N, C-alpha and C. Protein backbone atom coordinates (compact mmCIF):
# COMPACT_ATOMS: atom_id res chain seq x y z
N MET A 1 0.85 -1.16 0.00
CA MET A 1 0.00 0.00 0.00
C MET A 1 0.90 1.23 0.00
N CYS A 2 0.61 2.16 -0.87
CA CYS A 2 1.39 3.38 -0.96
C CYS A 2 0.45 4.53 -1.31
N PHE A 3 0.63 5.64 -0.64
CA PHE A 3 -0.20 6.81 -0.93
C PHE A 3 0.56 8.06 -0.51
N GLU A 4 0.07 9.19 -0.93
CA GLU A 4 0.69 10.46 -0.56
C GLU A 4 -0.41 11.47 -0.28
N ILE A 5 -0.24 12.23 0.78
CA ILE A 5 -1.18 13.31 1.09
C ILE A 5 -0.54 14.60 0.59
N LEU A 6 -1.27 15.33 -0.22
CA LEU A 6 -0.79 16.60 -0.76
C LEU A 6 -1.49 17.74 -0.04
N GLY A 7 -0.79 18.85 0.09
CA GLY A 7 -1.38 20.05 0.69
C GLY A 7 -1.65 21.08 -0.40
N PHE A 8 -2.87 21.54 -0.48
CA PHE A 8 -3.25 22.54 -1.47
C PHE A 8 -3.48 23.87 -0.77
N ASP A 9 -2.78 24.92 -1.21
CA ASP A 9 -3.00 26.27 -0.70
C ASP A 9 -3.91 26.99 -1.69
N VAL A 10 -5.08 27.39 -1.19
CA VAL A 10 -6.08 28.02 -2.05
C VAL A 10 -6.46 29.37 -1.46
N LEU A 11 -6.56 30.37 -2.29
CA LEU A 11 -7.00 31.70 -1.89
C LEU A 11 -8.41 31.90 -2.44
N ILE A 12 -9.30 32.39 -1.61
CA ILE A 12 -10.68 32.68 -2.05
C ILE A 12 -10.80 34.20 -2.19
N ASP A 13 -11.13 34.68 -3.40
CA ASP A 13 -11.22 36.13 -3.60
C ASP A 13 -12.57 36.67 -3.13
N LYS A 14 -12.75 37.98 -3.24
CA LYS A 14 -13.96 38.62 -2.72
C LYS A 14 -15.23 38.17 -3.43
N ASN A 15 -15.10 37.55 -4.61
CA ASN A 15 -16.26 37.03 -5.34
C ASN A 15 -16.52 35.55 -5.04
N GLY A 16 -15.68 34.97 -4.18
CA GLY A 16 -15.85 33.57 -3.83
C GLY A 16 -15.17 32.61 -4.78
N ALA A 17 -14.38 33.14 -5.71
CA ALA A 17 -13.68 32.29 -6.68
C ALA A 17 -12.38 31.76 -6.05
N PRO A 18 -12.12 30.45 -6.18
CA PRO A 18 -10.89 29.89 -5.64
C PRO A 18 -9.71 30.08 -6.60
N TRP A 19 -8.55 30.36 -6.03
CA TRP A 19 -7.31 30.49 -6.80
C TRP A 19 -6.28 29.56 -6.17
N LEU A 20 -5.80 28.60 -6.95
CA LEU A 20 -4.78 27.67 -6.46
C LEU A 20 -3.44 28.40 -6.41
N LEU A 21 -2.85 28.47 -5.21
CA LEU A 21 -1.57 29.14 -5.05
C LEU A 21 -0.41 28.17 -5.21
N GLU A 22 -0.50 27.00 -4.57
CA GLU A 22 0.57 26.02 -4.68
C GLU A 22 0.08 24.67 -4.19
N VAL A 23 0.82 23.64 -4.57
CA VAL A 23 0.57 22.28 -4.10
C VAL A 23 1.84 21.83 -3.39
N ASN A 24 1.70 21.40 -2.14
CA ASN A 24 2.83 20.95 -1.34
C ASN A 24 2.88 19.43 -1.33
N HIS A 25 4.02 18.87 -1.69
CA HIS A 25 4.15 17.41 -1.71
C HIS A 25 4.42 16.86 -0.32
N ALA A 26 4.78 17.72 0.63
CA ALA A 26 5.04 17.27 2.01
C ALA A 26 4.45 18.30 2.98
N PRO A 27 3.12 18.34 3.10
CA PRO A 27 2.51 19.34 3.97
C PRO A 27 2.85 19.08 5.44
N SER A 28 2.85 20.14 6.21
CA SER A 28 3.15 20.05 7.64
C SER A 28 1.94 19.49 8.39
N PHE A 29 2.22 18.62 9.35
CA PHE A 29 1.16 18.13 10.23
C PHE A 29 1.34 18.66 11.65
N ASN A 30 2.18 19.70 11.80
CA ASN A 30 2.26 20.38 13.09
C ASN A 30 0.97 21.14 13.31
N CYS A 31 0.56 21.24 14.56
CA CYS A 31 -0.71 21.89 14.89
C CYS A 31 -0.45 23.12 15.74
N ASP A 32 -0.89 24.28 15.24
CA ASP A 32 -0.70 25.54 15.96
C ASP A 32 -1.91 25.93 16.79
N THR A 33 -3.09 25.46 16.40
CA THR A 33 -4.31 25.80 17.11
C THR A 33 -5.19 24.57 17.25
N ALA A 34 -6.22 24.68 18.08
CA ALA A 34 -7.16 23.57 18.25
C ALA A 34 -7.89 23.28 16.93
N LEU A 35 -8.24 24.31 16.18
CA LEU A 35 -8.91 24.11 14.89
C LEU A 35 -7.98 23.39 13.92
N ASP A 36 -6.73 23.80 13.89
CA ASP A 36 -5.73 23.16 13.03
C ASP A 36 -5.61 21.67 13.38
N ALA A 37 -5.54 21.35 14.65
CA ALA A 37 -5.43 19.96 15.10
C ALA A 37 -6.67 19.16 14.69
N SER A 38 -7.85 19.76 14.85
CA SER A 38 -9.10 19.08 14.50
C SER A 38 -9.17 18.78 13.00
N VAL A 39 -8.82 19.75 12.17
CA VAL A 39 -8.87 19.58 10.72
C VAL A 39 -7.90 18.48 10.29
N LYS A 40 -6.69 18.50 10.83
CA LYS A 40 -5.69 17.51 10.43
C LYS A 40 -6.04 16.12 10.95
N GLN A 41 -6.62 16.04 12.13
CA GLN A 41 -7.05 14.74 12.66
C GLN A 41 -8.14 14.15 11.77
N MET A 42 -9.11 14.96 11.37
CA MET A 42 -10.18 14.47 10.49
C MET A 42 -9.63 14.06 9.13
N LEU A 43 -8.66 14.83 8.61
CA LEU A 43 -8.02 14.48 7.33
C LEU A 43 -7.38 13.11 7.41
N LEU A 44 -6.62 12.85 8.48
CA LEU A 44 -5.96 11.55 8.62
C LEU A 44 -6.98 10.42 8.81
N GLN A 45 -8.02 10.67 9.59
CA GLN A 45 -9.05 9.64 9.77
C GLN A 45 -9.72 9.31 8.45
N ASP A 46 -10.07 10.32 7.67
CA ASP A 46 -10.70 10.09 6.37
C ASP A 46 -9.76 9.37 5.41
N THR A 47 -8.46 9.73 5.45
CA THR A 47 -7.48 9.08 4.59
C THR A 47 -7.40 7.59 4.90
N PHE A 48 -7.27 7.24 6.19
CA PHE A 48 -7.17 5.83 6.56
C PHE A 48 -8.47 5.09 6.29
N ARG A 49 -9.60 5.77 6.41
CA ARG A 49 -10.89 5.14 6.10
C ARG A 49 -10.97 4.83 4.61
N LEU A 50 -10.54 5.76 3.76
CA LEU A 50 -10.55 5.54 2.31
C LEU A 50 -9.60 4.41 1.92
N LEU A 51 -8.49 4.30 2.63
CA LEU A 51 -7.52 3.24 2.34
C LEU A 51 -7.95 1.90 2.92
N ASN A 52 -9.00 1.91 3.73
CA ASN A 52 -9.52 0.71 4.37
C ASN A 52 -8.46 0.02 5.23
N VAL A 53 -7.72 0.83 6.00
CA VAL A 53 -6.69 0.32 6.89
C VAL A 53 -7.37 -0.29 8.12
N THR A 54 -7.03 -1.53 8.43
CA THR A 54 -7.63 -2.22 9.58
C THR A 54 -6.66 -2.19 10.76
N LEU A 55 -7.18 -2.55 11.92
CA LEU A 55 -6.35 -2.61 13.11
C LEU A 55 -5.23 -3.63 12.93
N SER A 56 -5.52 -4.76 12.31
CA SER A 56 -4.47 -5.76 12.09
C SER A 56 -3.39 -5.23 11.14
N ASP A 57 -3.78 -4.41 10.14
CA ASP A 57 -2.79 -3.78 9.26
C ASP A 57 -1.87 -2.88 10.08
N LYS A 58 -2.47 -2.08 10.98
CA LYS A 58 -1.69 -1.17 11.81
C LYS A 58 -0.73 -1.94 12.70
N GLN A 59 -1.21 -3.00 13.33
CA GLN A 59 -0.36 -3.80 14.20
C GLN A 59 0.78 -4.45 13.44
N HIS A 60 0.51 -4.93 12.23
CA HIS A 60 1.55 -5.52 11.40
C HIS A 60 2.64 -4.50 11.05
N ILE A 61 2.22 -3.30 10.68
CA ILE A 61 3.16 -2.24 10.32
C ILE A 61 4.00 -1.84 11.53
N LEU A 62 3.36 -1.71 12.69
CA LEU A 62 4.09 -1.32 13.89
C LEU A 62 5.13 -2.38 14.30
N LYS A 63 4.86 -3.64 14.04
CA LYS A 63 5.83 -4.70 14.34
C LYS A 63 7.05 -4.59 13.43
N MET A 64 6.88 -4.04 12.24
CA MET A 64 7.97 -3.93 11.27
C MET A 64 8.91 -2.78 11.60
N ILE A 65 8.45 -1.85 12.40
CA ILE A 65 9.26 -0.64 12.71
C ILE A 65 10.30 -0.95 13.76
C-alpha cells in the first residue's frame, strides 16, 4: 500500500472564486491551534478510512518498525 497526502493552498477572492496558489508534496502536520489539530485529525481519519486500513494492518506495520 502506498499513498501520498498533498497540501493545497487556495485563496478565495472577494467574489468567492478559488485560486490555487501552490501544491505541497510534504505538507506540515504540526498543529498551531485547536482548529488546526481538529482539521488535520479528520483528514488523517478520512485518509485511513478511504484506504480501508484495519487494526491488524496497523499492528503488522508497527511490528515492522
